[in-house]
Amino acid sequence: MEVLVLLAVLVIVVSFFKAHKTNQNFAEHKYRPAGPLLTPAERSFYGVLVKAISNDYLIFSKVRVADVIVPVKCGTKKNWRIAFNKISSKHFDFIICDKEALNILCAIELNDSSHNTSKRIKRDAFLVDSMKTANIPLYQIDAKNSYVISEVRKQLACLNPSVIKTCPRCSSLLVERIASSTRATFVGCSSYPRCTYTESSS
């Protein structure tokens, strides 16, 4: 009888400690939602950027620089770690990728007045040079109260024609199409049938 009582007490004690461990809060501090992912200025530009590029591309925001480029292995592990630490805590405002493989085509920094400080000027210069070594374009666009979609489109097309191409007739986006008869690919105006401009697919 005493053995059964001891076993019952043991079961109760074990159950108590299990319940206490399950309810244990491992967070040392309380947290709250940080709010919208983008600032009002970034959200305004994002809406314009979505309309400025074709459906063949995807836009990502707040992407860590170290997820876009990495140091080339050269020298000691310590040197690699030093180079990595220089980019690990930095982020790009926007990244444009192709829709199929999500290859990174370019990065965009939206420059407001905060980029005029000496610290940010050095940061921006470092990122520009670093992206050049990786052969990935980095576009710096001035933040504005309002944007004209066609101007943003032309600005990006001027900086990197391979990302965004415009129709020489009507300035609409050029997109890749597939001929219904031959199934061959070609580039045509996105305003078709209003504009029938086409060119061979490179």
C-alpha atoms as a PDB file:
ATOM      1  CA  MET A   1       0.000   0.000   0.000  1.00  0.00           C
ATOM      2  CA  GLU A   2       2.790   2.393   0.948  1.00  0.00           C
ATOM      3  CA  VAL A   3       4.536   1.570  -2.330  1.00  0.00           C
ATOM      4  CA  LEU A   4       1.416   2.559  -4.296  1.00  0.00           C
ATOM      5  CA  VAL A   5       1.159   5.819  -2.401  1.00  0.00           C
ATOM      6  CA  LEU A   6       4.808   6.626  -3.070  1.00  0.00           C
ATOM      7  CA  LEU A   7       4.350   5.848  -6.770  1.00  0.00           C
ATOM      8  CA  ALA A   8       1.286   8.094  -6.922  1.00  0.00           C
ATOM      9  CA  VAL A   9       3.180  10.937  -5.261  1.00  0.00           C
ATOM     10  CA  LEU A  10       6.088  10.424  -7.659  1.00  0.00           C
ATOM     11  CA  VAL A  11       3.752  10.594 -10.676  1.00  0.00           C
ATOM     12  CA  ILE A  12       2.218  13.823  -9.385  1.00  0.00           C
ATOM     13  CA  VAL A  13       5.653  15.423  -8.802  1.00  0.00           C
ATOM     14  CA  VAL A  14       6.942  14.401 -12.244  1.00  0.00           C
ATOM     15  CA  SER A  15       3.765  15.721 -13.905  1.00  0.00           C
ATOM     16  CA  PHE A  16       4.130  19.030 -12.082  1.00  0.00           C
ATOM     17  CA  PHE A  17       7.702  19.562 -13.253  1.00  0.00           C
ATOM     18  CA  LYS A  18       6.809  18.590 -16.835  1.00  0.00           C
ATOM     19  CA  ALA A  19       3.965  21.104 -16.883  1.00  0.00           C
ATOM     20  CA  HIS A  20       6.221  23.784 -15.407  1.00  0.00           C
ATOM     21  CA  LYS A  21       8.892  23.117 -18.023  1.00  0.00           C
ATOM     22  CA  THR A  22       6.344  23.241 -20.875  1.00  0.00           C
ATOM     23  CA  ASN A  23       5.025  26.628 -19.741  1.00  0.00           C
ATOM     24  CA  GLN A  24       8.501  28.054 -19.286  1.00  0.00           C
ATOM     25  CA  ASN A  25       9.108  31.246 -21.261  1.00  0.00           C
ATOM     26  CA  PHE A  26      12.512  31.140 -22.932  1.00  0.00           C
ATOM     27  CA  ALA A  27      12.364  34.766 -24.110  1.00  0.00           C
ATOM     28  CA  GLU A  28      14.309  37.024 -21.790  1.00  0.00           C
ATOM     29  CA  HIS A  29      12.478  40.128 -23.040  1.00  0.00           C
ATOM     30  CA  LYS A  30       9.027  40.993 -24.312  1.00  0.00           C
ATOM     31  CA  TYR A  31       8.588  41.984 -27.959  1.00  0.00           C
ATOM     32  CA  ARG A  32       6.084  43.878 -30.059  1.00  0.00           C
ATOM     33  CA  PRO A  33       5.385  44.070 -33.806  1.00  0.00           C
ATOM     34  CA  ALA A  34       7.800  46.427 -35.522  1.00  0.00           C
ATOM     35  CA  GLY A  35       5.120  47.769 -37.851  1.00  0.00           C
ATOM     36  CA  PRO A  36       5.007  47.860 -41.670  1.00  0.00           C
ATOM     37  CA  LEU A  37       7.974  46.319 -43.473  1.00  0.00           C
ATOM     38  CA  LEU A  38       8.499  49.435 -45.600  1.00  0.00           C
ATOM     39  CA  THR A  39       8.627  53.082 -44.646  1.00  0.00           C
ATOM     40  CA  PRO A  40       6.019  55.350 -46.315  1.00  0.00           C
ATOM     41  CA  ALA A  41       8.668  56.553 -48.786  1.00  0.00           C
ATOM     42  CA  GLU A  42       9.743  52.983 -49.607  1.00  0.00           C
ATOM     43  CA  ARG A  43       6.126  51.831 -49.956  1.00  0.00           C
ATOM     44  CA  SER A  44       5.410  54.690 -52.346  1.00  0.00           C
ATOM     45  CA  PHE A  45       8.378  53.808 -54.544  1.00  0.00           C
ATOM     46  CA  TYR A  46       7.584  50.082 -54.368  1.00  0.00           C
ATOM     47  CA  GLY A  47       4.162  50.679 -55.891  1.00  0.00           C
ATOM     48  CA  VAL A  48       5.756  52.600 -58.752  1.00  0.00           C
ATOM     49  CA  LEU A  49       8.480  49.980 -59.224  1.00  0.00           C
ATOM     50  CA  VAL A  50       5.908  47.193 -59.540  1.00  0.00           C
ATOM     51  CA  LYS A  51       4.250  49.077 -62.404  1.00  0.00           C
ATOM     52  CA  ALA A  52       7.554  50.065 -64.011  1.00  0.00           C
ATOM     53  CA  ILE A  53       8.942  46.568 -64.571  1.00  0.00           C
ATOM     54  CA  SER A  54       7.444  43.666 -66.512  1.00  0.00           C
ATOM     55  CA  ASN A  55       5.796  40.560 -65.079  1.00  0.00           C
ATOM     56  CA  ASP A  56       8.939  38.579 -65.879  1.00  0.00           C
ATOM     57  CA  TYR A  57      10.591  39.939 -62.733  1.00  0.00           C
ATOM     58  CA  LEU A  58       9.982  39.847 -58.990  1.00  0.00           C
ATOM     59  CA  ILE A  59      10.793  42.513 -56.402  1.00  0.00           C
ATOM     60  CA  PHE A  60      12.070  41.760 -52.903  1.00  0.00           C
ATOM     61  CA  SER A  61      12.692  44.307 -50.166  1.00  0.00           C
ATOM     62  CA  LYS A  62      14.957  44.594 -47.137  1.00  0.00           C
ATOM     63  CA  VAL A  63      17.346  41.965 -48.486  1.00  0.00           C
ATOM     64  CA  ARG A  64      20.581  41.421 -46.594  1.00  0.00           C
ATOM     65  CA  VAL A  65      23.667  42.337 -48.614  1.00  0.00           C
ATOM     66  CA  ALA A  66      25.310  39.064 -47.544  1.00  0.00           C
ATOM     67  CA  ASP A  67      22.472  37.204 -49.287  1.00  0.00           C
ATOM     68  CA  VAL A  68      23.278  39.027 -52.524  1.00  0.00           C
ATOM     69  CA  ILE A  69      27.078  38.917 -52.565  1.00  0.00           C
ATOM     70  CA  VAL A  70      29.709  37.010 -50.589  1.00  0.00           C
ATOM     71  CA  PRO A  71      33.473  37.533 -50.275  1.00  0.00           C
ATOM     72  CA  VAL A  72      35.684  35.611 -52.666  1.00  0.00           C
ATOM     73  CA  LYS A  73      37.784  33.033 -50.831  1.00  0.00           C
ATOM     74  CA  CYS A  74      41.257  34.477 -50.839  1.00  0.00           C
ATOM     75  CA  GLY A  75      43.864  34.403 -48.119  1.00  0.00           C
ATOM     76  CA  THR A  76      43.048  33.332 -44.585  1.00  0.00           C
ATOM     77  CA  LYS A  77      39.684  32.544 -43.018  1.00  0.00           C
ATOM     78  CA  LYS A  78      40.191  35.608 -40.832  1.00  0.00           C
ATOM     79  CA  ASN A  79      40.396  37.883 -43.874  1.00  0.00           C
ATOM     80  CA  TRP A  80      37.256  36.268 -45.310  1.00  0.00           C
ATOM     81  CA  ARG A  81      35.428  36.794 -42.007  1.00  0.00           C
ATOM     82  CA  ILE A  82      36.488  40.450 -41.909  1.00  0.00           C
ATOM     83  CA  ALA A  83      35.150  40.968 -45.444  1.00  0.00           C
ATOM     84  CA  PHE A  84      31.924  39.139 -44.578  1.00  0.00           C
ATOM     85  CA  ASN A  85      31.351  41.176 -41.424  1.00  0.00           C
ATOM     86  CA  LYS A  86      31.489  44.365 -43.509  1.00  0.00           C
ATOM     87  CA  ILE A  87      28.321  43.311 -45.371  1.00  0.00           C
ATOM     88  CA  SER A  88      26.521  41.019 -42.897  1.00  0.00           C
ATOM     89  CA  SER A  89      24.530  43.768 -41.170  1.00  0.00           C
ATOM     90  CA  LYS A  90      23.739  45.863 -44.260  1.00  0.00           C
ATOM     91  CA  HIS A  91      20.579  45.621 -46.372  1.00  0.00           C
ATOM     92  CA  PHE A  92      19.437  46.716 -49.813  1.00  0.00           C
ATOM     93  CA  ASP A  93      16.104  48.500 -50.127  1.00  0.00           C
ATOM     94  CA  PHE A  94      15.016  46.438 -53.135  1.00  0.00           C
ATOM     95  CA  ILE A  95      16.241  43.516 -55.206  1.00  0.00           C
ATOM     96  CA  ILE A  96      14.968  42.592 -58.684  1.00  0.00           C
ATOM     97  CA  CYS A  97      15.102  38.903 -59.622  1.00  0.00           C
ATOM     98  CA  ASP A  98      14.000  36.920 -62.637  1.00  0.00           C
ATOM     99  CA  LYS A  99      10.779  35.043 -61.957  1.00  0.00           C
ATOM    100  CA  GLU A 100      11.942  31.557 -62.983  1.00  0.00           C
ATOM    101  CA  ALA A 101      15.226  30.938 -61.152  1.00  0.00           C
ATOM    102  CA  LEU A 102      15.151  33.965 -58.808  1.00  0.00           C
ATOM    103  CA  ASN A 103      18.575  35.008 -60.046  1.00  0.00           C
ATOM    104  CA  ILE A 104      19.507  38.435 -58.708  1.00  0.00           C
ATOM    105  CA  LEU A 105      19.580  40.944 -61.557  1.00  0.00           C
ATOM    106  CA  CYS A 106      20.153  44.186 -59.689  1.00  0.00           C
ATOM    107  CA  ALA A 107      19.802  46.025 -56.400  1.00  0.00           C
ATOM    108  CA  ILE A 108      18.131  49.380 -55.764  1.00  0.00           C
ATOM    109  CA  GLU A 109      18.850  51.871 -53.007  1.00  0.00           C
ATOM    110  CA  LEU A 110      16.269  54.591 -52.419  1.00  0.00           C
ATOM    111  CA  ASN A 111      18.265  57.619 -51.327  1.00  0.00           C
ATOM    112  CA  ASP A 112      16.617  60.112 -48.991  1.00  0.00           C
ATOM    113  CA  SER A 113      18.233  62.930 -46.997  1.00  0.00           C
ATOM    114  CA  SER A 114      19.823  60.420 -44.590  1.00  0.00           C
ATOM    115  CA  HIS A 115      22.195  59.372 -47.378  1.00  0.00           C
ATOM    116  CA  ASN A 116      23.798  62.839 -47.301  1.00  0.00           C
ATOM    117  CA  THR A 117      25.630  62.205 -44.031  1.00  0.00           C
ATOM    118  CA  SER A 118      29.337  61.371 -44.211  1.00  0.00           C
ATOM    119  CA  LYS A 119      28.732  57.931 -42.700  1.00  0.00           C
ATOM    120  CA  ARG A 120      26.092  57.007 -45.261  1.00  0.00           C
ATOM    121  CA  ILE A 121      28.167  58.412 -48.119  1.00  0.00           C
ATOM    122  CA  LYS A 122      31.024  56.082 -47.157  1.00  0.00           C
ATOM    123  CA  ARG A 123      28.580  53.177 -46.789  1.00  0.00           C
ATOM    124  CA  ASP A 124      27.042  53.820 -50.205  1.00  0.00           C
ATOM    125  CA  ALA A 125      30.472  54.106 -51.853  1.00  0.00           C
ATOM    126  CA  PHE A 126      31.510  50.813 -50.266  1.00  0.00           C
ATOM    127  CA  LEU A 127      28.385  49.057 -51.537  1.00  0.00           C
ATOM    128  CA  VAL A 128      28.791  50.462 -55.044  1.00  0.00           C
ATOM    129  CA  ASP A 129      32.386  49.237 -55.262  1.00  0.00           C
ATOM    130  CA  SER A 130      31.524  45.867 -53.724  1.00  0.00           C
ATOM    131  CA  MET A 131      28.674  45.271 -56.152  1.00  0.00           C
ATOM    132  CA  LYS A 132      30.933  46.202 -59.067  1.00  0.00           C
ATOM    133  CA  THR A 133      33.350  43.436 -58.110  1.00  0.00           C
ATOM    134  CA  ALA A 134      30.430  40.980 -58.152  1.00  0.00           C
ATOM    135  CA  ASN A 135      29.151  42.317 -61.504  1.00  0.00           C
ATOM    136  CA  ILE A 136      25.705  43.053 -60.092  1.00  0.00           C
ATOM    137  CA  PRO A 137      24.284  46.516 -60.854  1.00  0.00           C
ATOM    138  CA  LEU A 138      23.365  48.738 -57.918  1.00  0.00           C
ATOM    139  CA  TYR A 139      21.043  51.610 -58.775  1.00  0.00           C
ATOM    140  CA  GLN A 140      20.715  54.612 -56.492  1.00  0.00           C
ATOM    141  CA  ILE A 141      17.434  56.452 -56.969  1.00  0.00           C
ATOM    142  CA  ASP A 142      16.540  59.699 -55.223  1.00  0.00           C
ATOM    143  CA  ALA A 143      13.444  59.544 -53.029  1.00  0.00           C
ATOM    144  CA  LYS A 144      10.635  61.883 -54.137  1.00  0.00           C
ATOM    145  CA  ASN A 145       7.160  62.828 -53.006  1.00  0.00           C
ATOM    146  CA  SER A 146       5.781  61.401 -56.251  1.00  0.00           C
ATOM    147  CA  TYR A 147       7.107  59.452 -59.213  1.00  0.00           C
ATOM    148  CA  VAL A 148       6.314  59.198 -62.893  1.00  0.00           C
ATOM    149  CA  ILE A 149       6.259  55.538 -63.902  1.00  0.00           C
ATOM    150  CA  SER A 150       7.655  56.186 -67.362  1.00  0.00           C
ATOM    151  CA  GLU A 151      10.595  58.122 -65.891  1.00  0.00           C
ATOM    152  CA  VAL A 152      11.452  55.323 -63.448  1.00  0.00           C
ATOM    153  CA  ARG A 153      11.169  52.832 -66.284  1.00  0.00           C
ATOM    154  CA  LYS A 154      13.509  54.844 -68.497  1.00  0.00           C
ATOM    155  CA  GLN A 155      15.964  55.367 -65.665  1.00  0.00           C
ATOM    156  CA  LEU A 156      16.253  51.650 -65.035  1.00  0.00           C
ATOM    157  CA  ALA A 157      16.360  50.860 -68.751  1.00  0.00           C
ATOM    158  CA  CYS A 158      19.163  53.388 -69.228  1.00  0.00           C
ATOM    159  CA  LEU A 159      21.186  51.901 -66.383  1.00  0.00           C
ATOM    160  CA  ASN A 160      20.692  48.287 -67.396  1.00  0.00           C
ATOM    161  CA  PRO A 161      18.900  47.601 -70.692  1.00  0.00           C
ATOM    162  CA  SER A 162      19.034  43.842 -70.091  1.00  0.00           C
ATOM    163  CA  VAL A 163      16.655  44.165 -67.161  1.00  0.00           C
ATOM    164  CA  ILE A 164      14.008  46.433 -68.659  1.00  0.00           C
ATOM    165  CA  LYS A 165      13.509  47.049 -72.372  1.00  0.00           C
ATOM    166  CA  THR A 166      11.061  49.541 -73.816  1.00  0.00           C
ATOM    167  CA  CYS A 167       9.354  49.642 -77.175  1.00  0.00           C
ATOM    168  CA  PRO A 168      11.039  52.118 -79.568  1.00  0.00           C
ATOM    169  CA  ARG A 169       7.609  52.999 -81.001  1.00  0.00           C
ATOM    170  CA  CYS A 170       5.430  53.621 -77.946  1.00  0.00           C
ATOM    171  CA  SER A 171       7.813  53.298 -74.921  1.00  0.00           C
ATOM    172  CA  SER A 172       5.777  50.445 -73.412  1.00  0.00           C
ATOM    173  CA  LEU A 173       7.557  47.437 -71.942  1.00  0.00           C
ATOM    174  CA  LEU A 174       8.957  44.778 -74.258  1.00  0.00           C
ATOM    175  CA  VAL A 175       8.153  41.219 -73.167  1.00  0.00           C
ATOM    176  CA  GLU A 176       9.111  37.779 -74.430  1.00  0.00           C
ATOM    177  CA  ARG A 177       6.343  35.960 -76.293  1.00  0.00           C
ATOM    178  CA  ILE A 178       5.857  32.570 -77.961  1.00  0.00           C
ATOM    179  CA  ALA A 179       4.535  32.365 -81.525  1.00  0.00           C
ATOM    180  CA  SER A 180       1.332  30.305 -81.630  1.00  0.00           C
ATOM    181  CA  SER A 181       2.220  28.692 -84.957  1.00  0.00           C
ATOM    182  CA  THR A 182       5.944  27.902 -84.684  1.00  0.00           C
ATOM    183  CA  ARG A 183       6.308  28.054 -80.857  1.00  0.00           C
ATOM    184  CA  ALA A 184       9.416  30.154 -81.434  1.00  0.00           C
ATOM    185  CA  THR A 185      10.181  32.884 -78.911  1.00  0.00           C
ATOM    186  CA  PHE A 186      10.313  36.543 -79.860  1.00  0.00           C
ATOM    187  CA  VAL A 187      10.171  39.930 -78.141  1.00  0.00           C
ATOM    188  CA  GLY A 188       7.045  42.001 -78.595  1.00  0.00           C
ATOM    189  CA  CYS A 189       5.430  45.125 -77.231  1.00  0.00           C
ATOM    190  CA  SER A 190       3.307  44.662 -74.119  1.00  0.00           C
ATOM    191  CA  SER A 191       0.721  47.043 -75.642  1.00  0.00           C
ATOM    192  CA  TYR A 192      -0.184  44.535 -78.381  1.00  0.00           C
ATOM    193  CA  PRO A 193      -2.517  44.661 -80.298  1.00  0.00           C
ATOM    194  CA  ARG A 194      -2.425  48.472 -80.038  1.00  0.00           C
ATOM    195  CA  CYS A 195       1.291  48.304 -80.886  1.00  0.00           C
ATOM    196  CA  THR A 196       2.595  45.450 -83.045  1.00  0.00           C
ATOM    197  CA  TYR A 197       6.338  46.056 -82.676  1.00  0.00           C
ATOM    198  CA  THR A 198       8.434  42.854 -82.479  1.00  0.00           C
ATOM    199  CA  GLU A 199      12.085  41.879 -82.564  1.00  0.00           C
ATOM    200  CA  SER A 200      14.021  38.638 -82.454  1.00  0.00           C
ATOM    201  CA  SER A 201      14.686  37.122 -79.060  1.00  0.00           C
ATOM    202  CA  SER A 202      18.384  37.256 -78.179  1.00  0.00           C
END
